[in-house]
Amino acid sequence: MAATYLRQATNQDLSEIKKIIDEAKAYLKKQGIDQWQDGYPAYEDLETDVNNGITYVLIVDGKIAGTAALHQGLDVNYLNIHDGEWVNGVHGRYTAIHRIAMSSEFRGQHLSDKMISGLITISGVLGYKDIRIDTHPDNLGMQHVITTNGFTKRGVIYMAENDGEASPRYAYQLVIG
């Protein structure tokens, strides 16, 4: 059995992280999902996340199998929620899981569950009890991963797109003890 764990990403991981994000963009496009199709996340976003120490990578048998950013503190995209509400309010103290993607080499192995479980644990270790995540309404696979990891749908948020349009996202929350 291969060792599987999360660790903080380093600049040396950036080329592999960019490759995984590019694969995820292509995978979403192939499924007809209009998520990550307008240049987001840009390489600059990924570099900033790594430099800010918020990117984590899932390691499986010594290889990077997945990546995600764990934003800490207020997320401006979560300030306005529609058709529901956050349990601890819009100004609650929380982490937000963003830019989660799995390598095409490891897709279909249910490793997203391990990734999210690890990010929940890291959130708890950092002193956060409230974890939030969002996904595109058409991304049924990610919605399944999110809900099977204990998250509850709280409503709809709108993400600002590069073209100035606001794109709806289903917003989820998990409060841990």
C-alpha atoms as a PDB file:
ATOM      1  CA  MET A   1       0.000   0.000   0.000  1.00  0.00           C
ATOM      2  CA  ALA A   2       1.403   3.368  -1.033  1.00  0.00           C
ATOM      3  CA  ALA A   3       1.741   6.180   1.497  1.00  0.00           C
ATOM      4  CA  THR A   4      -0.876   8.869   0.883  1.00  0.00           C
ATOM      5  CA  TYR A   5      -0.683  12.251   2.599  1.00  0.00           C
ATOM      6  CA  LEU A   6      -1.021  16.009   2.165  1.00  0.00           C
ATOM      7  CA  ARG A   7       1.835  18.466   2.399  1.00  0.00           C
ATOM      8  CA  GLN A   8       2.273  22.158   1.769  1.00  0.00           C
ATOM      9  CA  ALA A   9       3.273  22.865  -1.823  1.00  0.00           C
ATOM     10  CA  THR A  10       6.628  24.428  -2.693  1.00  0.00           C
ATOM     11  CA  ASN A  11       7.822  26.351  -5.744  1.00  0.00           C
ATOM     12  CA  GLN A  12       9.389  23.092  -6.974  1.00  0.00           C
ATOM     13  CA  ASP A  13       5.846  21.679  -7.258  1.00  0.00           C
ATOM     14  CA  LEU A  14       4.521  24.499  -9.455  1.00  0.00           C
ATOM     15  CA  SER A  15       5.119  22.866 -12.844  1.00  0.00           C
ATOM     16  CA  GLU A  16       3.213  19.748 -11.739  1.00  0.00           C
ATOM     17  CA  ILE A  17       0.433  21.851 -10.138  1.00  0.00           C
ATOM     18  CA  LYS A  18       0.039  23.839 -13.391  1.00  0.00           C
ATOM     19  CA  LYS A  19      -0.112  20.596 -15.377  1.00  0.00           C
ATOM     20  CA  ILE A  20      -2.832  19.196 -13.068  1.00  0.00           C
ATOM     21  CA  ILE A  21      -4.883  22.411 -13.330  1.00  0.00           C
ATOM     22  CA  ASP A  22      -4.551  22.361 -17.142  1.00  0.00           C
ATOM     23  CA  GLU A  23      -5.691  18.713 -17.185  1.00  0.00           C
ATOM     24  CA  ALA A  24      -8.672  19.613 -14.985  1.00  0.00           C
ATOM     25  CA  LYS A  25      -9.644  22.481 -17.325  1.00  0.00           C
ATOM     26  CA  ALA A  26      -9.560  20.079 -20.291  1.00  0.00           C
ATOM     27  CA  TYR A  27     -11.541  17.451 -18.347  1.00  0.00           C
ATOM     28  CA  LEU A  28     -14.255  19.998 -17.444  1.00  0.00           C
ATOM     29  CA  LYS A  29     -14.410  21.216 -21.055  1.00  0.00           C
ATOM     30  CA  LYS A  30     -14.762  17.646 -22.335  1.00  0.00           C
ATOM     31  CA  GLN A  31     -17.753  17.196 -19.994  1.00  0.00           C
ATOM     32  CA  GLY A  32     -19.322  20.413 -21.262  1.00  0.00           C
ATOM     33  CA  ILE A  33     -18.925  22.149 -17.890  1.00  0.00           C
ATOM     34  CA  ASP A  34     -18.340  25.895 -18.208  1.00  0.00           C
ATOM     35  CA  GLN A  35     -15.985  26.051 -15.213  1.00  0.00           C
ATOM     36  CA  TRP A  36     -12.347  27.188 -15.432  1.00  0.00           C
ATOM     37  CA  GLN A  37     -12.769  27.906 -19.165  1.00  0.00           C
ATOM     38  CA  ASP A  38     -11.946  31.641 -19.137  1.00  0.00           C
ATOM     39  CA  GLY A  39      -8.335  31.683 -17.977  1.00  0.00           C
ATOM     40  CA  TYR A  40      -9.032  31.085 -14.276  1.00  0.00           C
ATOM     41  CA  PRO A  41      -7.158  29.883 -12.403  1.00  0.00           C
ATOM     42  CA  ALA A  42      -4.243  31.637 -14.072  1.00  0.00           C
ATOM     43  CA  TYR A  43      -0.668  30.525 -13.465  1.00  0.00           C
ATOM     44  CA  GLU A  44      -0.158  33.753 -11.494  1.00  0.00           C
ATOM     45  CA  ASP A  45      -2.985  32.694  -9.122  1.00  0.00           C
ATOM     46  CA  LEU A  46      -1.290  29.343  -8.566  1.00  0.00           C
ATOM     47  CA  GLU A  47       2.107  30.961  -7.975  1.00  0.00           C
ATOM     48  CA  THR A  48       0.600  33.452  -5.507  1.00  0.00           C
ATOM     49  CA  ASP A  49      -1.149  30.647  -3.606  1.00  0.00           C
ATOM     50  CA  VAL A  50       2.095  28.662  -3.282  1.00  0.00           C
ATOM     51  CA  ASN A  51       4.029  31.762  -2.188  1.00  0.00           C
ATOM     52  CA  ASN A  52       1.312  32.533   0.372  1.00  0.00           C
ATOM     53  CA  GLY A  53       1.601  29.007   1.772  1.00  0.00           C
ATOM     54  CA  ILE A  54      -2.033  28.062   1.105  1.00  0.00           C
ATOM     55  CA  THR A  55      -1.526  25.396  -1.586  1.00  0.00           C
ATOM     56  CA  TYR A  56      -1.445  21.761  -0.564  1.00  0.00           C
ATOM     57  CA  VAL A  57      -0.618  18.734  -2.664  1.00  0.00           C
ATOM     58  CA  LEU A  58      -1.807  15.166  -2.231  1.00  0.00           C
ATOM     59  CA  ILE A  59       1.132  12.777  -2.427  1.00  0.00           C
ATOM     60  CA  VAL A  60       0.522   9.178  -3.484  1.00  0.00           C
ATOM     61  CA  ASP A  61       3.525   6.871  -3.644  1.00  0.00           C
ATOM     62  CA  GLY A  62       5.878   9.845  -3.907  1.00  0.00           C
ATOM     63  CA  LYS A  63       3.964  11.526  -6.778  1.00  0.00           C
ATOM     64  CA  ILE A  64       1.721  14.588  -6.746  1.00  0.00           C
ATOM     65  CA  ALA A  65      -1.786  13.244  -7.328  1.00  0.00           C
ATOM     66  CA  GLY A  66      -3.784  16.386  -6.611  1.00  0.00           C
ATOM     67  CA  THR A  67      -3.710  19.999  -5.534  1.00  0.00           C
ATOM     68  CA  ALA A  68      -5.930  22.504  -3.723  1.00  0.00           C
ATOM     69  CA  ALA A  69      -5.751  25.908  -2.098  1.00  0.00           C
ATOM     70  CA  LEU A  70      -6.935  26.360   1.489  1.00  0.00           C
ATOM     71  CA  HIS A  71      -7.900  30.011   1.839  1.00  0.00           C
ATOM     72  CA  GLN A  72      -7.976  31.285   5.427  1.00  0.00           C
ATOM     73  CA  GLY A  73     -10.177  34.158   6.525  1.00  0.00           C
ATOM     74  CA  LEU A  74     -12.756  36.206   4.684  1.00  0.00           C
ATOM     75  CA  ASP A  75     -13.501  35.242   1.085  1.00  0.00           C
ATOM     76  CA  VAL A  76     -15.162  38.150  -0.735  1.00  0.00           C
ATOM     77  CA  ASN A  77     -17.035  35.739  -3.022  1.00  0.00           C
ATOM     78  CA  TYR A  78     -18.812  34.312   0.043  1.00  0.00           C
ATOM     79  CA  LEU A  79     -20.116  37.643   1.390  1.00  0.00           C
ATOM     80  CA  ASN A  80     -23.354  37.478  -0.602  1.00  0.00           C
ATOM     81  CA  ILE A  81     -25.174  34.154  -0.463  1.00  0.00           C
ATOM     82  CA  HIS A  82     -28.543  33.623  -2.131  1.00  0.00           C
ATOM     83  CA  ASP A  83     -31.288  31.054  -1.501  1.00  0.00           C
ATOM     84  CA  GLY A  84     -29.834  30.229   1.917  1.00  0.00           C
ATOM     85  CA  GLU A  85     -27.342  31.329   4.559  1.00  0.00           C
ATOM     86  CA  TRP A  86     -24.064  30.369   6.216  1.00  0.00           C
ATOM     87  CA  VAL A  87     -24.458  28.788   9.663  1.00  0.00           C
ATOM     88  CA  ASN A  88     -22.002  31.242  11.261  1.00  0.00           C
ATOM     89  CA  GLY A  89     -22.915  34.206   9.075  1.00  0.00           C
ATOM     90  CA  VAL A  90     -21.002  35.819   6.220  1.00  0.00           C
ATOM     91  CA  HIS A  91     -18.300  37.116   8.570  1.00  0.00           C
ATOM     92  CA  GLY A  92     -17.692  33.779  10.321  1.00  0.00           C
ATOM     93  CA  ARG A  93     -14.087  32.597  10.783  1.00  0.00           C
ATOM     94  CA  TYR A  94     -13.518  29.887   8.186  1.00  0.00           C
ATOM     95  CA  THR A  95     -11.300  28.237   5.628  1.00  0.00           C
ATOM     96  CA  ALA A  96     -12.404  27.889   2.012  1.00  0.00           C
ATOM     97  CA  ILE A  97     -11.236  25.084  -0.257  1.00  0.00           C
ATOM     98  CA  HIS A  98     -10.504  26.382  -3.758  1.00  0.00           C
ATOM     99  CA  ARG A  99      -8.831  25.183  -6.960  1.00  0.00           C
ATOM    100  CA  ILE A 100      -9.065  21.495  -6.087  1.00  0.00           C
ATOM    101  CA  ALA A 101      -7.955  19.212  -8.917  1.00  0.00           C
ATOM    102  CA  MET A 102      -6.680  15.692  -9.373  1.00  0.00           C
ATOM    103  CA  SER A 103      -4.025  14.524 -11.811  1.00  0.00           C
ATOM    104  CA  SER A 104      -5.428  12.601 -14.797  1.00  0.00           C
ATOM    105  CA  GLU A 105      -3.021   9.805 -13.817  1.00  0.00           C
ATOM    106  CA  PHE A 106      -4.923   9.335 -10.553  1.00  0.00           C
ATOM    107  CA  ARG A 107      -8.496  10.184 -11.608  1.00  0.00           C
ATOM    108  CA  GLY A 108     -11.183   7.683 -10.626  1.00  0.00           C
ATOM    109  CA  GLN A 109      -9.371   6.419  -7.526  1.00  0.00           C
ATOM    110  CA  HIS A 110     -11.546   8.384  -5.046  1.00  0.00           C
ATOM    111  CA  LEU A 111      -8.517  10.396  -3.980  1.00  0.00           C
ATOM    112  CA  SER A 112     -10.553  13.623  -3.875  1.00  0.00           C
ATOM    113  CA  ASP A 113     -12.041  12.245  -0.655  1.00  0.00           C
ATOM    114  CA  LYS A 114      -8.575  11.912   0.869  1.00  0.00           C
ATOM    115  CA  MET A 115      -7.684  15.400  -0.327  1.00  0.00           C
ATOM    116  CA  ILE A 116     -10.775  16.973   1.230  1.00  0.00           C
ATOM    117  CA  SER A 117     -10.433  14.937   4.426  1.00  0.00           C
ATOM    118  CA  GLY A 118      -6.837  16.143   4.751  1.00  0.00           C
ATOM    119  CA  LEU A 119      -7.868  19.772   4.167  1.00  0.00           C
ATOM    120  CA  ILE A 120     -10.581  19.438   6.834  1.00  0.00           C
ATOM    121  CA  THR A 121      -7.945  18.106   9.251  1.00  0.00           C
ATOM    122  CA  ILE A 122      -5.517  20.934   8.401  1.00  0.00           C
ATOM    123  CA  SER A 123      -8.333  23.463   8.928  1.00  0.00           C
ATOM    124  CA  GLY A 124      -8.955  22.010  12.388  1.00  0.00           C
ATOM    125  CA  VAL A 125      -5.249  22.032  13.260  1.00  0.00           C
ATOM    126  CA  LEU A 126      -5.108  25.710  12.207  1.00  0.00           C
ATOM    127  CA  GLY A 127      -7.963  26.431  14.622  1.00  0.00           C
ATOM    128  CA  TYR A 128     -10.846  26.662  12.148  1.00  0.00           C
ATOM    129  CA  LYS A 129     -14.142  24.849  12.784  1.00  0.00           C
ATOM    130  CA  ASP A 130     -15.970  26.191   9.716  1.00  0.00           C
ATOM    131  CA  ILE A 131     -14.945  24.985   6.237  1.00  0.00           C
ATOM    132  CA  ARG A 132     -16.570  26.215   3.027  1.00  0.00           C
ATOM    133  CA  ILE A 133     -16.349  25.139  -0.603  1.00  0.00           C
ATOM    134  CA  ASP A 134     -18.206  25.892  -3.822  1.00  0.00           C
ATOM    135  CA  THR A 135     -18.591  24.348  -7.249  1.00  0.00           C
ATOM    136  CA  HIS A 136     -20.288  24.902 -10.581  1.00  0.00           C
ATOM    137  CA  PRO A 137     -23.970  23.821 -10.808  1.00  0.00           C
ATOM    138  CA  ASP A 138     -23.086  21.469 -13.697  1.00  0.00           C
ATOM    139  CA  ASN A 139     -20.141  19.831 -11.892  1.00  0.00           C
ATOM    140  CA  LEU A 140     -22.078  16.856 -10.532  1.00  0.00           C
ATOM    141  CA  GLY A 141     -18.923  14.861  -9.788  1.00  0.00           C
ATOM    142  CA  MET A 142     -17.557  17.563  -7.481  1.00  0.00           C
ATOM    143  CA  GLN A 143     -20.965  18.073  -5.863  1.00  0.00           C
ATOM    144  CA  HIS A 144     -20.979  14.344  -5.030  1.00  0.00           C
ATOM    145  CA  VAL A 145     -17.454  14.502  -3.564  1.00  0.00           C
ATOM    146  CA  ILE A 146     -18.408  17.552  -1.480  1.00  0.00           C
ATOM    147  CA  THR A 147     -21.627  16.112  -0.032  1.00  0.00           C
ATOM    148  CA  THR A 148     -20.154  12.662   0.649  1.00  0.00           C
ATOM    149  CA  ASN A 149     -17.479  14.399   2.738  1.00  0.00           C
ATOM    150  CA  GLY A 150     -20.100  15.828   5.103  1.00  0.00           C
ATOM    151  CA  PHE A 151     -20.687  19.265   3.591  1.00  0.00           C
ATOM    152  CA  THR A 152     -24.205  20.719   3.461  1.00  0.00           C
ATOM    153  CA  LYS A 153     -25.417  22.911   0.605  1.00  0.00           C
ATOM    154  CA  ARG A 154     -26.091  26.396   2.008  1.00  0.00           C
ATOM    155  CA  GLY A 155     -27.127  28.361  -1.080  1.00  0.00           C
ATOM    156  CA  VAL A 156     -25.766  30.013  -4.204  1.00  0.00           C
ATOM    157  CA  ILE A 157     -22.894  32.479  -4.510  1.00  0.00           C
ATOM    158  CA  TYR A 158     -21.767  34.377  -7.595  1.00  0.00           C
ATOM    159  CA  MET A 159     -18.156  34.414  -8.753  1.00  0.00           C
ATOM    160  CA  ALA A 160     -16.892  37.380 -10.760  1.00  0.00           C
ATOM    161  CA  GLU A 161     -15.657  36.162 -14.143  1.00  0.00           C
ATOM    162  CA  ASN A 162     -13.000  37.784 -16.344  1.00  0.00           C
ATOM    163  CA  ASP A 163     -15.673  39.035 -18.746  1.00  0.00           C
ATOM    164  CA  GLY A 164     -17.399  40.957 -15.951  1.00  0.00           C
ATOM    165  CA  GLU A 165     -20.254  38.465 -15.702  1.00  0.00           C
ATOM    166  CA  ALA A 166     -21.181  36.822 -12.406  1.00  0.00           C
ATOM    167  CA  SER A 167     -21.327  33.036 -12.554  1.00  0.00           C
ATOM    168  CA  PRO A 168     -23.416  31.017 -10.054  1.00  0.00           C
ATOM    169  CA  ARG A 169     -21.776  28.450  -7.790  1.00  0.00           C
ATOM    170  CA  TYR A 170     -23.345  26.081  -5.299  1.00  0.00           C
ATOM    171  CA  ALA A 171     -21.968  26.903  -1.853  1.00  0.00           C
ATOM    172  CA  TYR A 172     -21.386  24.272   0.834  1.00  0.00           C
ATOM    173  CA  GLN A 173     -20.303  24.338   4.469  1.00  0.00           C
ATOM    174  CA  LEU A 174     -19.038  21.910   7.083  1.00  0.00           C
ATOM    175  CA  VAL A 175     -18.794  22.822  10.760  1.00  0.00           C
ATOM    176  CA  ILE A 176     -16.510  20.510  12.740  1.00  0.00           C
ATOM    177  CA  GLY A 177     -16.273  20.016  16.518  1.00  0.00           C
END
